[in-house]
Amino acid sequence: MVIFFVATGNAHKMQEIRAILGERFQYLSLKNGNATKKAVELGGWLAQRKAEGGTRQEELYVLADDSGLEVDALNGAPGVHSARFAATSESGNRRSARGAGNAPDAANNAKLLHLLKSVPLEKRTARFRCVLALTAVLPETRKGSSPVCYADELELQTELFEGVCEGHIGFAPQGQGGFGYDPLFIPDGYQQSFAELGEDVKNELSHRAKALASLRARFLE
């Protein structure tokens, strides 16, 4: 059994990951944003599983999803600041974004449309980019200790998987589905936004779908 500890508190991302990868894997959410706390949380889970004798036939991985929207007319913004775009300065610089929490989807979309209000269709090109970091967790125990796993004894090996979906930004929100910038992003070859195309189509075309397809292939080799 392959178990993914998904490092996100975003329920929409978690739902897409499960839908795309399928039920052959098991998924647990690591909602903590602090890396040290994540390690402690994971270490505690492993300790319990190891005490129960449950980790011997299980492959354990932490899966982190770093996704963003890159708009050419904005020099690649919002990029890494996509989730908190409305909380950053007009330029979206790192200094202003530091410490800013995620902003509501509607606010992010409104800011994007405002910045692109005078940009013609042919210059509204954009792309979604997803980078997945897959970290294998190899638990060990201290000699002479009880069968538990300490967070500082985790050996980490990381692989990266990337997916890109090209498209453009519409002039107004289209559709009620999806999340994030889905109502504004229209993938190449379509006239509908991700929000209009629906979950099944999006999960075939999207940046996350492409990255997860590469990840899934890694386990089918």
C-alpha atoms as a PDB file:
ATOM      1  CA  MET A   1       0.000   0.000   0.000  1.00  0.00           C
ATOM      2  CA  VAL A   2       1.291   3.426  -1.007  1.00  0.00           C
ATOM      3  CA  ILE A   3       0.306   6.188   1.418  1.00  0.00           C
ATOM      4  CA  PHE A   4       0.576   9.878   0.500  1.00  0.00           C
ATOM      5  CA  PHE A   5       0.747  12.466   3.252  1.00  0.00           C
ATOM      6  CA  VAL A   6      -0.498  15.450   1.218  1.00  0.00           C
ATOM      7  CA  ALA A   7       1.026  18.678   2.523  1.00  0.00           C
ATOM      8  CA  THR A   8      -1.922  20.995   1.946  1.00  0.00           C
ATOM      9  CA  GLY A   9      -4.854  22.425   3.811  1.00  0.00           C
ATOM     10  CA  ASN A  10      -6.621  23.165   0.505  1.00  0.00           C
ATOM     11  CA  ALA A  11      -9.586  20.817   0.278  1.00  0.00           C
ATOM     12  CA  HIS A  12      -9.974  21.483  -3.470  1.00  0.00           C
ATOM     13  CA  LYS A  13      -6.385  20.419  -4.196  1.00  0.00           C
ATOM     14  CA  MET A  14      -6.851  17.318  -2.056  1.00  0.00           C
ATOM     15  CA  GLN A  15     -10.026  16.412  -3.949  1.00  0.00           C
ATOM     16  CA  GLU A  16      -8.317  16.808  -7.336  1.00  0.00           C
ATOM     17  CA  ILE A  17      -5.317  14.742  -6.280  1.00  0.00           C
ATOM     18  CA  ARG A  18      -7.567  11.896  -5.122  1.00  0.00           C
ATOM     19  CA  ALA A  19      -9.711  12.085  -8.273  1.00  0.00           C
ATOM     20  CA  ILE A  20      -6.724  12.059 -10.634  1.00  0.00           C
ATOM     21  CA  LEU A  21      -4.524   9.470  -8.916  1.00  0.00           C
ATOM     22  CA  GLY A  22      -7.401   7.174  -8.029  1.00  0.00           C
ATOM     23  CA  GLU A  23      -8.208   4.852  -5.161  1.00  0.00           C
ATOM     24  CA  ARG A  24      -5.211   2.546  -5.498  1.00  0.00           C
ATOM     25  CA  PHE A  25      -3.423   4.913  -3.113  1.00  0.00           C
ATOM     26  CA  GLN A  26      -4.274   6.053   0.399  1.00  0.00           C
ATOM     27  CA  TYR A  27      -4.315   9.775   1.227  1.00  0.00           C
ATOM     28  CA  LEU A  28      -3.813  11.624   4.493  1.00  0.00           C
ATOM     29  CA  SER A  29      -3.688  15.395   4.862  1.00  0.00           C
ATOM     30  CA  LEU A  30      -0.792  17.164   6.559  1.00  0.00           C
ATOM     31  CA  LYS A  31      -2.457  20.522   7.135  1.00  0.00           C
ATOM     32  CA  ASN A  32       0.332  22.113   9.142  1.00  0.00           C
ATOM     33  CA  GLY A  33       2.138  24.866   7.254  1.00  0.00           C
ATOM     34  CA  ASN A  34       5.274  24.644   9.395  1.00  0.00           C
ATOM     35  CA  ALA A  35       7.845  22.132   8.120  1.00  0.00           C
ATOM     36  CA  THR A  36       9.061  21.221  11.607  1.00  0.00           C
ATOM     37  CA  LYS A  37       5.531  20.644  12.830  1.00  0.00           C
ATOM     38  CA  LYS A  38       4.849  18.546   9.726  1.00  0.00           C
ATOM     39  CA  ALA A  39       7.819  16.345  10.573  1.00  0.00           C
ATOM     40  CA  VAL A  40       6.613  15.960  14.149  1.00  0.00           C
ATOM     41  CA  GLU A  41       3.085  15.171  12.958  1.00  0.00           C
ATOM     42  CA  LEU A  42       4.398  12.601  10.492  1.00  0.00           C
ATOM     43  CA  GLY A  43       6.780  11.175  13.073  1.00  0.00           C
ATOM     44  CA  GLY A  44       3.931  10.696  15.503  1.00  0.00           C
ATOM     45  CA  TRP A  45       1.832   8.878  12.905  1.00  0.00           C
ATOM     46  CA  LEU A  46       4.735   6.613  12.001  1.00  0.00           C
ATOM     47  CA  ALA A  47       5.370   5.876  15.656  1.00  0.00           C
ATOM     48  CA  GLN A  48       1.811   4.667  16.078  1.00  0.00           C
ATOM     49  CA  ARG A  49       1.854   2.627  12.861  1.00  0.00           C
ATOM     50  CA  LYS A  50       5.196   1.060  13.677  1.00  0.00           C
ATOM     51  CA  ALA A  51       4.050   0.115  17.164  1.00  0.00           C
ATOM     52  CA  GLU A  52       1.111  -1.624  15.494  1.00  0.00           C
ATOM     53  CA  GLY A  53       3.410  -3.369  13.022  1.00  0.00           C
ATOM     54  CA  GLY A  54       1.719  -1.574  10.158  1.00  0.00           C
ATOM     55  CA  THR A  55       4.587   0.054   8.250  1.00  0.00           C
ATOM     56  CA  ARG A  56       6.390  -3.018   6.935  1.00  0.00           C
ATOM     57  CA  GLN A  57       4.243  -3.441   3.832  1.00  0.00           C
ATOM     58  CA  GLU A  58       3.545   0.254   3.329  1.00  0.00           C
ATOM     59  CA  GLU A  59       5.373   2.813   1.186  1.00  0.00           C
ATOM     60  CA  LEU A  60       5.179   6.225   2.811  1.00  0.00           C
ATOM     61  CA  TYR A  61       5.525   9.548   0.974  1.00  0.00           C
ATOM     62  CA  VAL A  62       4.984  13.227   1.657  1.00  0.00           C
ATOM     63  CA  LEU A  63       3.460  14.933  -1.403  1.00  0.00           C
ATOM     64  CA  ALA A  64       3.688  18.725  -1.717  1.00  0.00           C
ATOM     65  CA  ASP A  65       1.927  20.663  -4.489  1.00  0.00           C
ATOM     66  CA  ASP A  66       3.334  24.057  -5.518  1.00  0.00           C
ATOM     67  CA  SER A  67       1.052  25.482  -8.210  1.00  0.00           C
ATOM     68  CA  GLY A  68       0.645  28.947  -9.674  1.00  0.00           C
ATOM     69  CA  LEU A  69      -0.725  31.019 -12.530  1.00  0.00           C
ATOM     70  CA  GLU A  70       1.794  32.814 -14.767  1.00  0.00           C
ATOM     71  CA  VAL A  71       0.445  35.702 -16.869  1.00  0.00           C
ATOM     72  CA  ASP A  72       2.786  36.927 -19.600  1.00  0.00           C
ATOM     73  CA  ALA A  73       1.475  40.513 -19.590  1.00  0.00           C
ATOM     74  CA  LEU A  74       2.320  40.674 -15.863  1.00  0.00           C
ATOM     75  CA  ASN A  75       5.846  39.293 -16.302  1.00  0.00           C
ATOM     76  CA  GLY A  76       4.848  35.923 -14.881  1.00  0.00           C
ATOM     77  CA  ALA A  77       2.786  37.207 -11.955  1.00  0.00           C
ATOM     78  CA  PRO A  78       1.018  36.153  -9.820  1.00  0.00           C
ATOM     79  CA  GLY A  79       3.234  33.039  -9.965  1.00  0.00           C
ATOM     80  CA  VAL A  80       4.249  31.796  -6.518  1.00  0.00           C
ATOM     81  CA  HIS A  81       1.938  34.399  -4.967  1.00  0.00           C
ATOM     82  CA  SER A  82      -1.178  33.139  -6.784  1.00  0.00           C
ATOM     83  CA  ALA A  83      -3.093  32.152  -3.649  1.00  0.00           C
ATOM     84  CA  ARG A  84      -2.450  35.501  -1.926  1.00  0.00           C
ATOM     85  CA  PHE A  85      -2.304  37.775  -4.980  1.00  0.00           C
ATOM     86  CA  ALA A  86      -4.921  40.233  -3.708  1.00  0.00           C
ATOM     87  CA  ALA A  87      -2.946  40.661  -0.474  1.00  0.00           C
ATOM     88  CA  THR A  88       0.260  41.697  -2.262  1.00  0.00           C
ATOM     89  CA  SER A  89       1.279  45.006  -3.809  1.00  0.00           C
ATOM     90  CA  GLU A  90       0.438  45.799  -7.431  1.00  0.00           C
ATOM     91  CA  SER A  91       3.785  44.321  -8.455  1.00  0.00           C
ATOM     92  CA  GLY A  92       3.290  41.252  -6.253  1.00  0.00           C
ATOM     93  CA  ASN A  93       6.844  41.566  -4.964  1.00  0.00           C
ATOM     94  CA  ARG A  94       8.103  39.148  -2.361  1.00  0.00           C
ATOM     95  CA  ARG A  95       8.673  41.735   0.308  1.00  0.00           C
ATOM     96  CA  SER A  96       5.048  42.847   0.318  1.00  0.00           C
ATOM     97  CA  ALA A  97       3.834  39.243   0.098  1.00  0.00           C
ATOM     98  CA  ARG A  98       5.856  38.076   3.085  1.00  0.00           C
ATOM     99  CA  GLY A  99       3.504  37.189   5.885  1.00  0.00           C
ATOM    100  CA  ALA A 100       0.418  37.751   3.772  1.00  0.00           C
ATOM    101  CA  GLY A 101      -2.177  35.013   4.133  1.00  0.00           C
ATOM    102  CA  ASN A 102      -4.146  33.517   1.274  1.00  0.00           C
ATOM    103  CA  ALA A 103      -6.755  35.847  -0.197  1.00  0.00           C
ATOM    104  CA  PRO A 104     -10.317  34.877  -1.243  1.00  0.00           C
ATOM    105  CA  ASP A 105     -10.592  33.544  -4.791  1.00  0.00           C
ATOM    106  CA  ALA A 106     -12.972  36.340  -5.791  1.00  0.00           C
ATOM    107  CA  ALA A 107     -10.505  38.989  -4.607  1.00  0.00           C
ATOM    108  CA  ASN A 108      -7.620  37.372  -6.496  1.00  0.00           C
ATOM    109  CA  ASN A 109      -9.714  37.164  -9.663  1.00  0.00           C
ATOM    110  CA  ALA A 110     -10.869  40.763  -9.332  1.00  0.00           C
ATOM    111  CA  LYS A 111      -7.307  42.016  -8.960  1.00  0.00           C
ATOM    112  CA  LEU A 112      -6.152  40.010 -11.971  1.00  0.00           C
ATOM    113  CA  LEU A 113      -8.947  41.421 -14.147  1.00  0.00           C
ATOM    114  CA  HIS A 114      -8.154  44.938 -12.941  1.00  0.00           C
ATOM    115  CA  LEU A 115      -4.487  44.627 -13.892  1.00  0.00           C
ATOM    116  CA  LEU A 116      -5.422  43.243 -17.321  1.00  0.00           C
ATOM    117  CA  LYS A 117      -8.300  45.629 -18.061  1.00  0.00           C
ATOM    118  CA  SER A 118      -6.491  47.330 -20.965  1.00  0.00           C
ATOM    119  CA  VAL A 119      -4.718  44.206 -22.264  1.00  0.00           C
ATOM    120  CA  PRO A 120      -6.096  42.838 -25.574  1.00  0.00           C
ATOM    121  CA  LEU A 121      -6.937  39.183 -26.103  1.00  0.00           C
ATOM    122  CA  GLU A 122      -3.775  38.323 -28.027  1.00  0.00           C
ATOM    123  CA  LYS A 123      -1.625  39.494 -25.113  1.00  0.00           C
ATOM    124  CA  ARG A 124      -3.567  37.742 -22.347  1.00  0.00           C
ATOM    125  CA  THR A 125      -1.605  34.498 -22.691  1.00  0.00           C
ATOM    126  CA  ALA A 126      -1.010  32.598 -19.476  1.00  0.00           C
ATOM    127  CA  ARG A 127      -0.258  29.191 -18.069  1.00  0.00           C
ATOM    128  CA  PHE A 128      -0.851  27.168 -14.955  1.00  0.00           C
ATOM    129  CA  ARG A 129       2.271  25.459 -13.636  1.00  0.00           C
ATOM    130  CA  CYS A 130       2.338  22.663 -11.058  1.00  0.00           C
ATOM    131  CA  VAL A 131       5.453  21.279  -9.395  1.00  0.00           C
ATOM    132  CA  LEU A 132       4.973  18.229  -7.187  1.00  0.00           C
ATOM    133  CA  ALA A 133       7.609  17.257  -4.646  1.00  0.00           C
ATOM    134  CA  LEU A 134       7.421  13.590  -3.678  1.00  0.00           C
ATOM    135  CA  THR A 135       9.460  12.736  -0.603  1.00  0.00           C
ATOM    136  CA  ALA A 136       9.971   9.113   0.384  1.00  0.00           C
ATOM    137  CA  VAL A 137       9.965   8.606   4.149  1.00  0.00           C
ATOM    138  CA  LEU A 138      12.200   5.835   5.435  1.00  0.00           C
ATOM    139  CA  PRO A 139      11.585   5.274   9.155  1.00  0.00           C
ATOM    140  CA  GLU A 140      14.327   3.973  11.415  1.00  0.00           C
ATOM    141  CA  THR A 141      14.557   3.238  15.121  1.00  0.00           C
ATOM    142  CA  ARG A 142      17.302   3.897  17.610  1.00  0.00           C
ATOM    143  CA  LYS A 143      19.189   0.837  18.753  1.00  0.00           C
ATOM    144  CA  GLY A 144      17.787  -0.533  21.947  1.00  0.00           C
ATOM    145  CA  SER A 145      14.731   1.707  21.801  1.00  0.00           C
ATOM    146  CA  SER A 146      11.111   0.731  21.686  1.00  0.00           C
ATOM    147  CA  PRO A 147       9.619   0.363  18.180  1.00  0.00           C
ATOM    148  CA  VAL A 148       8.806   4.018  17.564  1.00  0.00           C
ATOM    149  CA  CYS A 149       9.889   6.473  14.908  1.00  0.00           C
ATOM    150  CA  TYR A 150      11.294   9.862  15.870  1.00  0.00           C
ATOM    151  CA  ALA A 151      10.897  12.860  13.556  1.00  0.00           C
ATOM    152  CA  ASP A 152      14.655  13.481  13.569  1.00  0.00           C
ATOM    153  CA  GLU A 153      15.290   9.953  12.285  1.00  0.00           C
ATOM    154  CA  LEU A 154      13.427  10.354   8.991  1.00  0.00           C
ATOM    155  CA  GLU A 155      15.647   9.906   5.937  1.00  0.00           C
ATOM    156  CA  LEU A 156      14.263  12.007   3.077  1.00  0.00           C
ATOM    157  CA  GLN A 157      14.648  11.488  -0.680  1.00  0.00           C
ATOM    158  CA  THR A 158      12.749  13.889  -2.971  1.00  0.00           C
ATOM    159  CA  GLU A 159      11.619  13.616  -6.612  1.00  0.00           C
ATOM    160  CA  LEU A 160      10.034  16.442  -8.624  1.00  0.00           C
ATOM    161  CA  PHE A 161       7.221  16.192 -11.200  1.00  0.00           C
ATOM    162  CA  GLU A 162       6.085  19.175 -13.291  1.00  0.00           C
ATOM    163  CA  GLY A 163       3.019  19.904 -15.395  1.00  0.00           C
ATOM    164  CA  VAL A 164       2.087  22.978 -17.468  1.00  0.00           C
ATOM    165  CA  CYS A 165      -1.235  23.955 -19.056  1.00  0.00           C
ATOM    166  CA  GLU A 166      -1.176  26.815 -21.598  1.00  0.00           C
ATOM    167  CA  GLY A 167      -4.109  29.140 -22.185  1.00  0.00           C
ATOM    168  CA  HIS A 168      -5.260  32.723 -21.753  1.00  0.00           C
ATOM    169  CA  ILE A 169      -7.152  34.907 -19.297  1.00  0.00           C
ATOM    170  CA  GLY A 170     -10.747  35.812 -20.142  1.00  0.00           C
ATOM    171  CA  PHE A 171     -12.321  39.243 -19.750  1.00  0.00           C
ATOM    172  CA  ALA A 172     -14.828  38.178 -17.086  1.00  0.00           C
ATOM    173  CA  PRO A 173     -15.465  35.155 -14.849  1.00  0.00           C
ATOM    174  CA  GLN A 174     -17.093  32.261 -16.700  1.00  0.00           C
ATOM    175  CA  GLY A 175     -18.751  29.342 -14.924  1.00  0.00           C
ATOM    176  CA  GLN A 176     -19.464  28.387 -11.329  1.00  0.00           C
ATOM    177  CA  GLY A 177     -17.258  25.313 -10.961  1.00  0.00           C
ATOM    178  CA  GLY A 178     -13.675  24.814  -9.912  1.00  0.00           C
ATOM    179  CA  PHE A 179     -11.702  27.072  -7.614  1.00  0.00           C
ATOM    180  CA  GLY A 180      -8.946  29.662  -7.677  1.00  0.00           C
ATOM    181  CA  TYR A 181      -8.544  31.230 -11.118  1.00  0.00           C
ATOM    182  CA  ASP A 182     -10.619  28.545 -12.883  1.00  0.00           C
ATOM    183  CA  PRO A 183     -13.397  30.997 -13.921  1.00  0.00           C
ATOM    184  CA  LEU A 184     -10.826  33.172 -15.746  1.00  0.00           C
ATOM    185  CA  PHE A 185      -8.452  30.612 -17.255  1.00  0.00           C
ATOM    186  CA  ILE A 186      -9.343  29.317 -20.725  1.00  0.00           C
ATOM    187  CA  PRO A 187      -7.061  26.459 -21.851  1.00  0.00           C
ATOM    188  CA  ASP A 188      -5.721  26.370 -25.401  1.00  0.00           C
ATOM    189  CA  GLY A 189      -8.109  24.687 -27.811  1.00  0.00           C
ATOM    190  CA  TYR A 190     -11.218  25.582 -25.805  1.00  0.00           C
ATOM    191  CA  GLN A 191     -13.600  28.518 -25.530  1.00  0.00           C
ATOM    192  CA  GLN A 192     -14.775  27.578 -22.055  1.00  0.00           C
ATOM    193  CA  SER A 193     -12.975  28.285 -18.810  1.00  0.00           C
ATOM    194  CA  PHE A 194     -11.853  25.534 -16.452  1.00  0.00           C
ATOM    195  CA  ALA A 195     -14.877  26.448 -14.314  1.00  0.00           C
ATOM    196  CA  GLU A 196     -17.197  25.764 -17.263  1.00  0.00           C
ATOM    197  CA  LEU A 197     -15.474  22.631 -18.554  1.00  0.00           C
ATOM    198  CA  GLY A 198     -16.142  20.722 -15.356  1.00  0.00           C
ATOM    199  CA  GLU A 199     -14.086  18.470 -13.139  1.00  0.00           C
ATOM    200  CA  ASP A 200     -13.718  15.512 -15.515  1.00  0.00           C
ATOM    201  CA  VAL A 201     -12.382  17.591 -18.413  1.00  0.00           C
ATOM    202  CA  LYS A 202     -10.176  19.730 -16.199  1.00  0.00           C
ATOM    203  CA  ASN A 203      -8.664  16.626 -14.619  1.00  0.00           C
ATOM    204  CA  GLU A 204      -7.553  15.510 -18.091  1.00  0.00           C
ATOM    205  CA  LEU A 205      -6.096  18.858 -19.210  1.00  0.00           C
ATOM    206  CA  SER A 206      -4.775  20.665 -16.186  1.00  0.00           C
ATOM    207  CA  HIS A 207      -1.242  21.342 -15.011  1.00  0.00           C
ATOM    208  CA  ARG A 208      -1.920  19.254 -11.904  1.00  0.00           C
ATOM    209  CA  ALA A 209      -3.268  16.379 -14.000  1.00  0.00           C
ATOM    210  CA  LYS A 210      -0.087  16.347 -16.108  1.00  0.00           C
ATOM    211  CA  ALA A 211       2.205  16.425 -13.087  1.00  0.00           C
ATOM    212  CA  LEU A 212       0.204  13.702 -11.351  1.00  0.00           C
ATOM    213  CA  ALA A 213       0.245  11.563 -14.510  1.00  0.00           C
ATOM    214  CA  SER A 214       4.046  11.579 -14.372  1.00  0.00           C
ATOM    215  CA  LEU A 215       3.948  10.757 -10.676  1.00  0.00           C
ATOM    216  CA  ARG A 216       1.485   7.907 -11.217  1.00  0.00           C
ATOM    217  CA  ALA A 217       3.673   6.475 -13.990  1.00  0.00           C
ATOM    218  CA  ARG A 218       6.552   6.354 -11.520  1.00  0.00           C
ATOM    219  CA  PHE A 219       4.578   3.830  -9.444  1.00  0.00           C
ATOM    220  CA  LEU A 220       3.494   1.790 -12.475  1.00  0.00           C
ATOM    221  CA  GLU A 221       7.008   1.248 -13.831  1.00  0.00           C
END
